[in-house]
Amino acid sequence: MLSRALYRTAIGIASPKRVPHQVTSFLFQSQCHLRYASTVVKVPQMAESITEGTLKQFSKQVGDYVEADEEIATIETDKIDVAVNASEAGTITELLVEEEATVTVGQEIARLDTGGEKPAAKEEKEPEQKSEPEPKKEEKKEEKKDDTPPPAPKQEQPKEESKPAPSPPKQEKKPAPPPPPPSKKSEPSKDDGEKKFTLWSRDERRVKMNRMRLRIAERLKQAQNTTASLSTFQEVDMSSLIEFRSKYKDEYVKKTGIKIGFMGAFARACTLAMKDIPAVNAAIEGPNGGDTIVYHDYVDISVAVATEKGLTTPVVRNVESLNMLEVEKVISDLGRKARDNKLTIEDMAGGTFTISNGGVFGSLMSTPIINPPQAAVLGLHAIFNRCVPIDGKVEIRPMMNITLTYDHRLIDGREAATFLVKVKEYIQDPRRMLLG
């Protein structure tokens, strides 16, 4: 027969309502000491040619909860900005690197605790609670205000005869001081103007160049030191292309959503001209400045796009296989990605020829710099109305200056001039491109 103590213990364990105090305290302590699993966020693999970058900023701070694949930091490289995403959901517990520090691929930059639940937002409840007491106070104030007016009329009746006018003049004298505020408002406006436009200022500011700007400077200087650059020029009558564009642009925007521009026509014209002058689409490779000519059977055109951080050159691939509208669509998509800082390494890798359109900024003439290892770059400029002799008459035509800067080590003057003349002929009569 079981003893009374054993019987009570058995009943206490079996009954869900009666749990021994020692068991509950043990469970509570074990829950308090429970810790979530920890993981680290590392610098991702960016590209084969990029091994390090500058950690520009953290978009999340210690204590913030992040979802899986949510961006927590941005790394600035020589070519693009790389986003660092959390591998798992969790709460950031420590930032292992400071902003503006140089980081390498695979380096740990943050630690977070995985598991747990996303904290509920309490912002919505607080304003509701705060908004409730406010009307109550207003009601009380209104009640007090309602109590004050009744005694006032009793006092006004006897005092109306003795002091009718003195009270209003006192109120008029009090509002008199407002004139100084306008003078105060005028003073800061002058200060703001002095900060923006200070005469005879000798102030200086020094700002460190970002990685992209440093890389651009290095590449441009390398091009000047390596290539034997020379430029040739032509004038192009844009009348036919402008007429073609204005006639069909609305129809094709409705049909395809693509706007007909000038870049697609020039890209197509350059591709057709390269069939006769393949050296323009070639490159020089090898040690000591190069000893081998590489001829490409495809045309990948780099399009120069100006961004806030510097000049980028995303690539339109296999232009020889695209029509004008398809080229325009790709250029539009790449330009949007460049402005939104969403270009990838793959978007800018390669390129056999470059087109730079300085005309969007009103440039009349320029000599663009070659983008090594390419052998040439075409520069487009602004369109201006000029007087042009046509069939013995002087007419006003929309004219554009175009420039071809080429590497004289690979391309001779005859080839460069012939190429540019062919591009001019295709643009002045777009129908010729259908026969190419």
Protein backbone atom coordinates (compact mmCIF):
# COMPACT_ATOMS: atom_id res chain seq x y z
CA MET A 1 0.00 0.00 0.00
CA LEU A 2 1.34 3.45 -1.04
CA SER A 3 2.20 5.92 1.65
CA ARG A 4 0.29 9.19 1.92
CA ALA A 5 3.34 11.23 0.71
CA LEU A 6 3.80 9.14 -2.41
CA TYR A 7 0.10 9.31 -3.11
CA ARG A 8 0.10 13.13 -2.92
CA THR A 9 3.16 13.36 -5.18
CA ALA A 10 1.53 11.13 -7.77
CA ILE A 11 -1.65 13.20 -7.73
CA GLY A 12 0.30 16.47 -7.98
CA ILE A 13 2.25 15.34 -11.03
CA ALA A 14 -0.80 13.89 -12.77
CA SER A 15 -3.02 16.92 -12.16
CA PRO A 16 -2.34 19.80 -14.58
CA LYS A 17 -3.61 22.37 -12.07
CA ARG A 18 -1.28 21.31 -9.26
CA VAL A 19 2.37 21.62 -10.40
CA PRO A 20 5.04 21.54 -7.68
CA HIS A 21 6.63 24.92 -6.96
CA GLN A 22 10.12 23.55 -7.58
CA VAL A 23 9.16 22.45 -11.12
CA THR A 24 7.66 25.85 -12.04
CA SER A 25 10.67 27.73 -10.71
CA PHE A 26 13.01 25.47 -12.70
CA LEU A 27 11.04 26.03 -15.92
CA PHE A 28 11.01 29.81 -15.35
CA GLN A 29 14.75 29.94 -14.79
CA SER A 30 15.44 27.84 -17.88
CA GLN A 31 13.32 30.21 -19.99
CA CYS A 32 15.15 33.26 -18.64
CA HIS A 33 18.55 31.78 -19.53
CA LEU A 34 17.39 30.69 -23.02
CA ARG A 35 19.38 32.41 -25.78
CA TYR A 36 18.65 32.55 -29.49
CA ALA A 37 21.14 31.27 -32.05
CA SER A 38 23.63 33.87 -33.29
CA THR A 39 24.89 34.41 -36.83
CA VAL A 40 27.14 36.91 -38.60
CA VAL A 41 26.66 38.91 -41.79
CA LYS A 42 29.63 38.89 -44.16
CA VAL A 43 30.66 40.96 -47.16
CA PRO A 44 29.28 39.10 -50.20
CA GLN A 45 31.21 38.09 -53.30
CA MET A 46 31.03 41.15 -55.55
CA ALA A 47 32.93 40.25 -58.73
CA GLU A 48 36.10 38.54 -59.84
CA SER A 49 37.94 41.85 -60.24
CA ILE A 50 36.62 43.43 -57.02
CA THR A 51 38.02 42.22 -53.70
CA GLU A 52 37.38 45.20 -51.41
CA GLY A 53 35.24 48.28 -50.96
CA THR A 54 34.27 51.05 -48.58
CA LEU A 55 31.39 50.45 -46.17
CA LYS A 56 29.46 53.61 -46.96
CA GLN A 57 26.62 53.32 -44.46
CA PHE A 58 24.54 51.02 -42.28
CA SER A 59 20.83 51.19 -43.05
CA LYS A 60 20.06 49.30 -39.80
CA GLN A 61 21.38 49.83 -36.28
CA VAL A 62 21.86 47.72 -33.15
CA GLY A 63 18.50 46.56 -31.80
CA ASP A 64 16.73 46.75 -35.17
CA TYR A 65 14.86 43.68 -36.37
CA VAL A 66 15.58 42.66 -39.98
CA GLU A 67 13.87 40.22 -42.28
CA ALA A 68 15.73 37.66 -44.38
CA ASP A 69 17.36 39.25 -47.46
CA GLU A 70 16.69 42.73 -46.08
CA GLU A 71 19.42 45.29 -46.80
CA ILE A 72 21.46 46.30 -43.76
CA ALA A 73 24.48 48.06 -45.31
CA THR A 74 25.88 49.51 -48.55
CA ILE A 75 29.43 48.96 -49.82
CA GLU A 76 30.91 51.36 -52.37
CA THR A 77 33.25 49.77 -54.91
CA ASP A 78 35.22 51.03 -57.90
CA LYS A 79 32.29 50.44 -60.23
CA ILE A 80 28.99 50.06 -58.36
CA ASP A 81 27.36 50.12 -54.93
CA VAL A 82 26.82 46.64 -53.47
CA ALA A 83 23.99 45.96 -51.02
CA VAL A 84 24.68 43.67 -48.05
CA ASN A 85 21.58 41.69 -47.06
CA ALA A 86 20.82 39.69 -43.93
CA SER A 87 21.01 35.95 -44.54
CA GLU A 88 18.35 35.24 -41.91
CA ALA A 89 15.70 37.12 -39.97
CA GLY A 90 16.73 38.36 -36.55
CA THR A 91 17.78 41.26 -34.35
CA ILE A 92 21.08 43.06 -34.84
CA THR A 93 23.18 42.82 -31.68
CA GLU A 94 26.52 44.24 -32.80
CA LEU A 95 28.09 46.17 -35.69
CA LEU A 96 31.63 44.89 -36.20
CA VAL A 97 32.82 47.58 -38.64
CA GLU A 98 32.58 51.35 -38.65
CA GLU A 99 31.26 53.38 -41.56
CA GLU A 100 33.81 54.59 -44.15
CA ALA A 101 36.05 51.61 -43.27
CA THR A 102 37.61 49.42 -45.96
CA VAL A 103 36.17 45.91 -46.01
CA THR A 104 37.12 42.79 -47.97
CA VAL A 105 35.08 39.94 -49.41
CA GLY A 106 34.07 37.49 -46.66
CA GLN A 107 34.75 39.93 -43.78
CA GLU A 108 32.25 39.93 -40.90
CA ILE A 109 30.47 43.28 -40.53
CA ALA A 110 27.52 42.57 -38.21
CA ARG A 111 26.18 40.01 -35.76
CA LEU A 112 22.50 39.24 -35.22
CA ASP A 113 20.42 36.86 -33.11
CA THR A 114 18.16 34.69 -35.21
CA GLY A 115 14.83 33.40 -34.01
CA GLY A 116 12.25 35.21 -31.99
CA GLU A 117 9.36 37.19 -33.41
CA LYS A 118 9.21 40.60 -34.98
CA PRO A 119 8.32 43.18 -32.30
CA ALA A 120 4.77 44.46 -32.59
CA ALA A 121 4.36 48.09 -33.53
CA LYS A 122 3.17 50.12 -30.54
CA GLU A 123 3.04 53.43 -32.30
CA GLU A 124 -0.59 53.02 -33.32
CA LYS A 125 -1.86 52.36 -29.79
CA GLU A 126 -0.02 55.23 -28.12
CA PRO A 127 -1.55 58.04 -30.16
CA GLU A 128 -5.01 56.60 -29.53
CA GLN A 129 -4.43 56.60 -25.78
CA LYS A 130 -2.98 60.07 -25.85
CA SER A 131 -5.76 61.38 -27.99
CA GLU A 132 -8.42 60.26 -25.49
CA PRO A 133 -7.35 62.31 -22.44
CA GLU A 134 -6.89 65.47 -24.49
CA PRO A 135 -10.58 66.00 -25.19
CA LYS A 136 -11.34 65.44 -21.51
CA LYS A 137 -9.00 68.27 -20.55
CA GLU A 138 -10.56 70.46 -23.19
CA GLU A 139 -13.98 69.68 -21.82
CA LYS A 140 -12.84 70.64 -18.33
CA LYS A 141 -11.36 73.88 -19.65
CA GLU A 142 -14.58 74.62 -21.49
CA GLU A 143 -16.52 74.00 -18.31
CA LYS A 144 -14.27 76.43 -16.45
CA LYS A 145 -14.69 78.97 -19.21
CA ASP A 146 -18.42 78.53 -19.01
CA ASP A 147 -18.28 79.19 -15.27
CA THR A 148 -16.33 82.43 -15.62
CA PRO A 149 -18.64 84.33 -17.99
CA PRO A 150 -21.67 84.50 -15.64
CA PRO A 151 -19.95 86.65 -12.97
CA ALA A 152 -18.51 88.91 -15.67
CA PRO A 153 -21.81 90.52 -16.72
CA LYS A 154 -22.62 91.36 -13.11
CA GLN A 155 -19.39 93.32 -12.77
CA GLU A 156 -19.68 94.94 -16.19
CA GLN A 157 -22.96 96.68 -15.43
CA PRO A 158 -21.63 98.87 -12.61
CA LYS A 159 -18.26 99.49 -14.30
CA GLU A 160 -19.66 100.41 -17.71
CA GLU A 161 -20.26 104.03 -16.68
CA SER A 162 -16.95 104.57 -14.85
CA LYS A 163 -14.46 102.88 -17.23
CA PRO A 164 -15.92 102.31 -20.67
CA ALA A 165 -12.91 103.31 -22.83
CA PRO A 166 -9.69 102.70 -20.84
CA SER A 167 -9.76 98.89 -21.23
CA PRO A 168 -9.69 98.75 -25.09
CA PRO A 169 -6.78 101.21 -25.43
CA LYS A 170 -4.67 99.03 -23.11
CA GLN A 171 -5.30 96.08 -25.37
CA GLU A 172 -4.32 98.17 -28.40
CA LYS A 173 -1.04 99.22 -26.80
CA LYS A 174 -0.05 95.62 -26.03
CA PRO A 175 -0.18 94.40 -29.66
CA ALA A 176 2.08 97.30 -30.65
CA PRO A 177 5.38 95.34 -30.14
CA PRO A 178 4.78 93.00 -33.15
CA PRO A 179 6.88 95.24 -35.50
CA PRO A 180 10.20 93.66 -34.33
CA PRO A 181 9.30 90.16 -35.60
CA PRO A 182 9.35 91.25 -39.27
CA SER A 183 12.83 92.67 -38.76
CA LYS A 184 13.94 89.37 -37.21
CA LYS A 185 12.59 87.46 -40.19
CA SER A 186 14.43 89.71 -42.58
CA GLU A 187 17.75 89.26 -40.75
CA PRO A 188 17.96 85.46 -41.15
CA SER A 189 17.10 85.75 -44.81
CA LYS A 190 20.11 88.04 -45.27
CA ASP A 191 22.30 85.60 -43.37
CA ASP A 192 21.14 82.77 -45.60
CA GLY A 193 21.99 84.80 -48.65
CA GLU A 194 25.42 85.62 -47.29
CA LYS A 195 26.13 81.92 -46.74
CA LYS A 196 25.16 81.03 -50.28
CA PHE A 197 26.64 84.08 -52.04
CA THR A 198 29.46 85.65 -50.07
CA LEU A 199 31.42 88.35 -51.85
CA TRP A 200 35.20 88.20 -51.68
CA SER A 201 35.10 84.87 -49.89
CA ARG A 202 38.36 82.93 -49.44
CA ASP A 203 36.82 79.76 -47.92
CA GLU A 204 37.93 76.31 -49.08
CA ARG A 205 36.50 72.83 -48.68
CA ARG A 206 38.27 69.51 -49.10
CA VAL A 207 36.22 66.38 -49.83
CA LYS A 208 37.72 62.93 -50.24
CA MET A 209 37.07 61.37 -53.64
CA ASN A 210 34.86 58.30 -53.62
CA ARG A 211 36.05 55.00 -55.02
CA MET A 212 34.20 55.37 -58.29
CA ARG A 213 35.67 58.81 -58.95
CA LEU A 214 39.18 57.54 -58.12
CA ARG A 215 38.72 54.61 -60.50
CA ILE A 216 37.45 56.90 -63.26
CA ALA A 217 40.47 59.18 -62.82
CA GLU A 218 42.82 56.20 -62.95
CA ARG A 219 41.22 54.79 -66.10
CA LEU A 220 41.15 58.12 -67.94
CA LYS A 221 44.78 58.82 -67.13
CA GLN A 222 45.68 55.30 -68.20
CA ALA A 223 43.93 55.92 -71.53
CA GLN A 224 45.87 59.12 -72.10
CA ASN A 225 49.19 57.47 -71.26
CA THR A 226 48.56 54.31 -73.31
CA THR A 227 46.59 55.21 -76.44
CA ALA A 228 47.67 57.45 -79.31
CA SER A 229 44.41 59.42 -79.37
CA LEU A 230 43.31 61.45 -82.36
CA SER A 231 39.91 62.97 -83.20
CA THR A 232 38.04 63.61 -86.42
CA PHE A 233 34.80 65.62 -86.86
CA GLN A 234 31.74 65.81 -89.06
CA GLU A 235 28.54 67.87 -89.33
CA VAL A 236 25.28 65.95 -89.63
CA ASP A 237 21.98 67.28 -90.96
CA MET A 238 19.38 65.87 -88.58
CA SER A 239 16.31 66.91 -90.63
CA SER A 240 15.41 63.45 -91.94
CA LEU A 241 15.89 61.69 -88.60
CA ILE A 242 13.89 64.35 -86.74
CA GLU A 243 11.09 64.04 -89.30
CA PHE A 244 11.16 60.24 -89.03
CA ARG A 245 11.05 60.45 -85.23
CA SER A 246 8.21 62.98 -85.05
CA LYS A 247 6.14 60.99 -87.57
CA TYR A 248 6.26 57.62 -85.82
CA LYS A 249 7.09 58.28 -82.16
CA ASP A 250 3.47 58.61 -80.94
CA GLU A 251 2.34 55.52 -82.83
CA TYR A 252 5.12 53.33 -81.45
CA VAL A 253 4.80 54.68 -77.91
CA LYS A 254 1.18 53.54 -77.90
CA LYS A 255 2.01 50.21 -79.54
CA THR A 256 5.23 49.23 -77.72
CA GLY A 257 5.71 51.81 -74.94
CA ILE A 258 9.18 52.61 -76.34
CA LYS A 259 10.16 56.18 -77.19
CA ILE A 260 12.07 56.67 -80.43
CA GLY A 261 15.25 58.59 -79.72
CA PHE A 262 18.52 59.34 -81.48
CA MET A 263 20.75 56.86 -79.65
CA GLY A 264 19.14 53.86 -81.31
CA ALA A 265 19.68 55.33 -84.77
CA PHE A 266 23.34 56.20 -84.09
CA ALA A 267 23.98 52.74 -82.58
CA ARG A 268 22.50 51.11 -85.67
CA ALA A 269 24.46 53.39 -88.00
CA CYS A 270 27.74 52.63 -86.19
CA THR A 271 27.07 48.88 -86.37
CA LEU A 272 26.53 49.04 -90.13
CA ALA A 273 29.64 51.20 -90.64
CA MET A 274 31.72 48.69 -88.65
CA LYS A 275 31.05 46.06 -91.32
CA ASP A 276 33.22 48.10 -93.68
CA ILE A 277 35.68 49.35 -91.02
CA PRO A 278 36.06 46.47 -88.52
CA ALA A 279 39.10 48.06 -86.86
CA VAL A 280 36.80 50.54 -85.10
CA ASN A 281 35.26 47.59 -83.23
CA ALA A 282 38.62 45.97 -82.42
CA ALA A 283 40.97 46.19 -79.44
CA ILE A 284 44.66 45.92 -78.62
CA GLU A 285 45.79 43.43 -75.98
CA GLY A 286 49.09 42.15 -74.66
CA PRO A 287 52.07 43.27 -72.56
CA ASN A 288 53.88 46.61 -72.87
CA GLY A 289 50.84 48.45 -74.21
CA GLY A 290 49.65 45.58 -76.37
CA ASP A 291 51.01 43.47 -79.21
CA THR A 292 47.84 41.67 -80.39
CA ILE A 293 44.77 42.95 -82.27
CA VAL A 294 41.45 41.37 -81.27
CA TYR A 295 38.66 41.66 -83.86
CA HIS A 296 35.16 41.13 -82.50
CA ASP A 297 32.42 39.45 -84.53
CA TYR A 298 29.81 41.08 -82.29
CA VAL A 299 29.10 44.68 -81.29
CA ASP A 300 28.71 45.56 -77.60
CA ILE A 301 28.21 49.31 -77.27
CA SER A 302 29.00 51.03 -73.98
CA VAL A 303 26.65 53.96 -73.38
CA ALA A 304 28.03 56.76 -71.20
CA VAL A 305 25.55 57.70 -68.44
CA ALA A 306 26.24 60.54 -66.01
CA THR A 307 25.23 59.85 -62.39
CA GLU A 308 25.69 61.74 -59.12
CA LYS A 309 28.71 59.65 -58.20
CA GLY A 310 30.39 59.77 -61.60
CA LEU A 311 30.33 58.50 -65.16
CA THR A 312 29.17 54.93 -65.74
CA THR A 313 29.19 52.96 -69.00
CA PRO A 314 26.57 50.18 -69.05
CA VAL A 315 26.77 47.92 -72.08
CA VAL A 316 24.14 47.18 -74.76
CA ARG A 317 25.07 43.71 -75.97
CA ASN A 318 24.79 42.27 -79.48
CA VAL A 319 23.64 45.50 -81.05
CA GLU A 320 24.18 43.92 -84.48
CA SER A 321 21.18 41.66 -83.72
CA LEU A 322 18.84 44.41 -82.46
CA ASN A 323 16.70 46.92 -84.31
CA MET A 324 16.45 50.61 -83.39
CA LEU A 325 13.50 50.21 -81.03
CA GLU A 326 15.10 47.30 -79.19
CA VAL A 327 18.29 49.32 -78.70
CA GLU A 328 16.27 52.26 -77.37
CA LYS A 329 14.51 50.01 -74.87
CA VAL A 330 17.76 48.52 -73.55
CA ILE A 331 19.37 51.97 -73.25
CA SER A 332 16.31 53.30 -71.41
CA ASP A 333 16.37 50.40 -68.95
CA LEU A 334 20.11 50.75 -68.31
CA GLY A 335 19.82 54.50 -67.82
CA ARG A 336 17.05 54.01 -65.25
CA LYS A 337 19.12 51.43 -63.37
CA ALA A 338 22.13 53.77 -63.39
CA ARG A 339 20.14 56.68 -61.93
CA ASP A 340 18.67 54.36 -59.26
CA ASN A 341 22.13 52.94 -58.39
CA LYS A 342 20.99 49.44 -59.34
CA LEU A 343 23.57 48.60 -61.99
CA THR A 344 25.39 45.31 -61.57
CA ILE A 345 28.92 44.32 -62.54
CA GLU A 346 27.47 42.30 -65.44
CA ASP A 347 25.75 45.44 -66.79
CA MET A 348 29.10 47.23 -67.20
CA ALA A 349 31.45 44.38 -68.08
CA GLY A 350 32.93 44.29 -71.56
CA GLY A 351 32.08 46.66 -74.38
CA THR A 352 33.75 46.96 -77.80
CA PHE A 353 32.75 50.55 -78.69
CA THR A 354 31.42 53.58 -76.78
CA ILE A 355 28.88 56.31 -77.58
CA SER A 356 28.91 59.44 -75.40
CA ASN A 357 26.01 61.87 -75.80
CA GLY A 358 27.13 65.21 -74.40
CA GLY A 359 24.39 66.92 -76.37
CA VAL A 360 21.88 66.33 -73.59
CA PHE A 361 23.87 68.91 -71.59
CA GLY A 362 24.10 71.39 -74.47
CA SER A 363 27.67 70.57 -75.53
CA LEU A 364 28.55 71.99 -78.96
CA MET A 365 31.86 70.17 -79.47
CA SER A 366 34.13 67.83 -77.50
CA THR A 367 36.84 65.21 -77.88
CA PRO A 368 35.81 62.23 -75.71
CA ILE A 369 38.48 59.97 -74.21
CA ILE A 370 38.78 56.34 -75.29
CA ASN A 371 37.67 53.66 -72.86
CA PRO A 372 40.50 51.04 -72.92
CA PRO A 373 40.86 48.41 -74.24
CA GLN A 374 38.44 49.77 -76.84
CA ALA A 375 39.86 51.51 -79.90
CA ALA A 376 37.32 54.31 -80.49
CA VAL A 377 34.51 56.39 -79.01
CA LEU A 378 31.80 58.39 -80.79
CA GLY A 379 30.77 61.74 -79.31
CA LEU A 380 27.31 63.21 -80.00
CA HIS A 381 26.50 66.86 -79.35
CA ALA A 382 23.62 69.32 -79.20
CA ILE A 383 21.47 70.13 -82.22
CA PHE A 384 21.45 73.78 -83.37
CA ASN A 385 19.82 75.47 -86.34
CA ARG A 386 22.42 76.71 -88.82
CA CYS A 387 22.50 78.20 -92.28
CA VAL A 388 23.53 75.46 -94.72
CA PRO A 389 23.98 75.70 -98.51
CA ILE A 390 21.71 73.13 -100.21
CA ASP A 391 21.41 72.96 -104.03
CA GLY A 392 22.71 76.49 -104.43
CA LYS A 393 20.37 77.89 -101.77
CA VAL A 394 20.91 78.80 -98.14
CA GLU A 395 18.54 76.97 -95.80
CA ILE A 396 18.25 76.69 -92.02
CA ARG A 397 18.75 73.09 -90.94
CA PRO A 398 19.11 71.35 -87.56
CA MET A 399 22.79 70.39 -87.43
CA MET A 400 24.79 68.24 -85.01
CA ASN A 401 28.55 67.94 -84.64
CA ILE A 402 29.81 64.38 -84.17
CA THR A 403 33.31 63.36 -83.11
CA LEU A 404 35.24 60.11 -83.40
CA THR A 405 38.21 59.77 -81.06
CA TYR A 406 40.28 56.75 -82.06
CA ASP A 407 43.50 54.96 -81.17
CA HIS A 408 45.92 55.80 -83.96
CA ARG A 409 47.98 52.69 -83.16
CA LEU A 410 45.18 50.56 -84.57
CA ILE A 411 43.04 52.86 -86.73
CA ASP A 412 44.47 55.00 -89.51
CA GLY A 413 43.13 58.42 -90.41
CA ARG A 414 41.59 57.13 -93.63
CA GLU A 415 39.62 54.46 -91.77
CA ALA A 416 38.46 56.89 -89.07
CA ALA A 417 37.28 59.51 -91.58
CA THR A 418 35.55 56.86 -93.74
CA PHE A 419 33.75 55.41 -90.73
CA LEU A 420 32.46 58.82 -89.59
CA VAL A 421 31.29 59.75 -93.11
CA LYS A 422 29.33 56.48 -93.34
CA VAL A 423 27.66 57.20 -89.98
CA LYS A 424 26.76 60.66 -91.27
CA GLU A 425 25.22 59.24 -94.46
CA TYR A 426 23.11 56.72 -92.53
CA ILE A 427 21.77 59.41 -90.20
CA GLN A 428 21.02 61.94 -92.94
CA ASP A 429 19.05 59.28 -94.84
CA PRO A 430 17.74 56.65 -92.33
CA ARG A 431 16.28 54.61 -95.21
CA ARG A 432 19.82 53.56 -96.13
CA MET A 433 19.96 51.57 -92.87
CA LEU A 434 17.24 49.27 -94.22
CA LEU A 435 19.55 48.32 -97.08
CA GLY A 436 22.55 47.61 -94.82
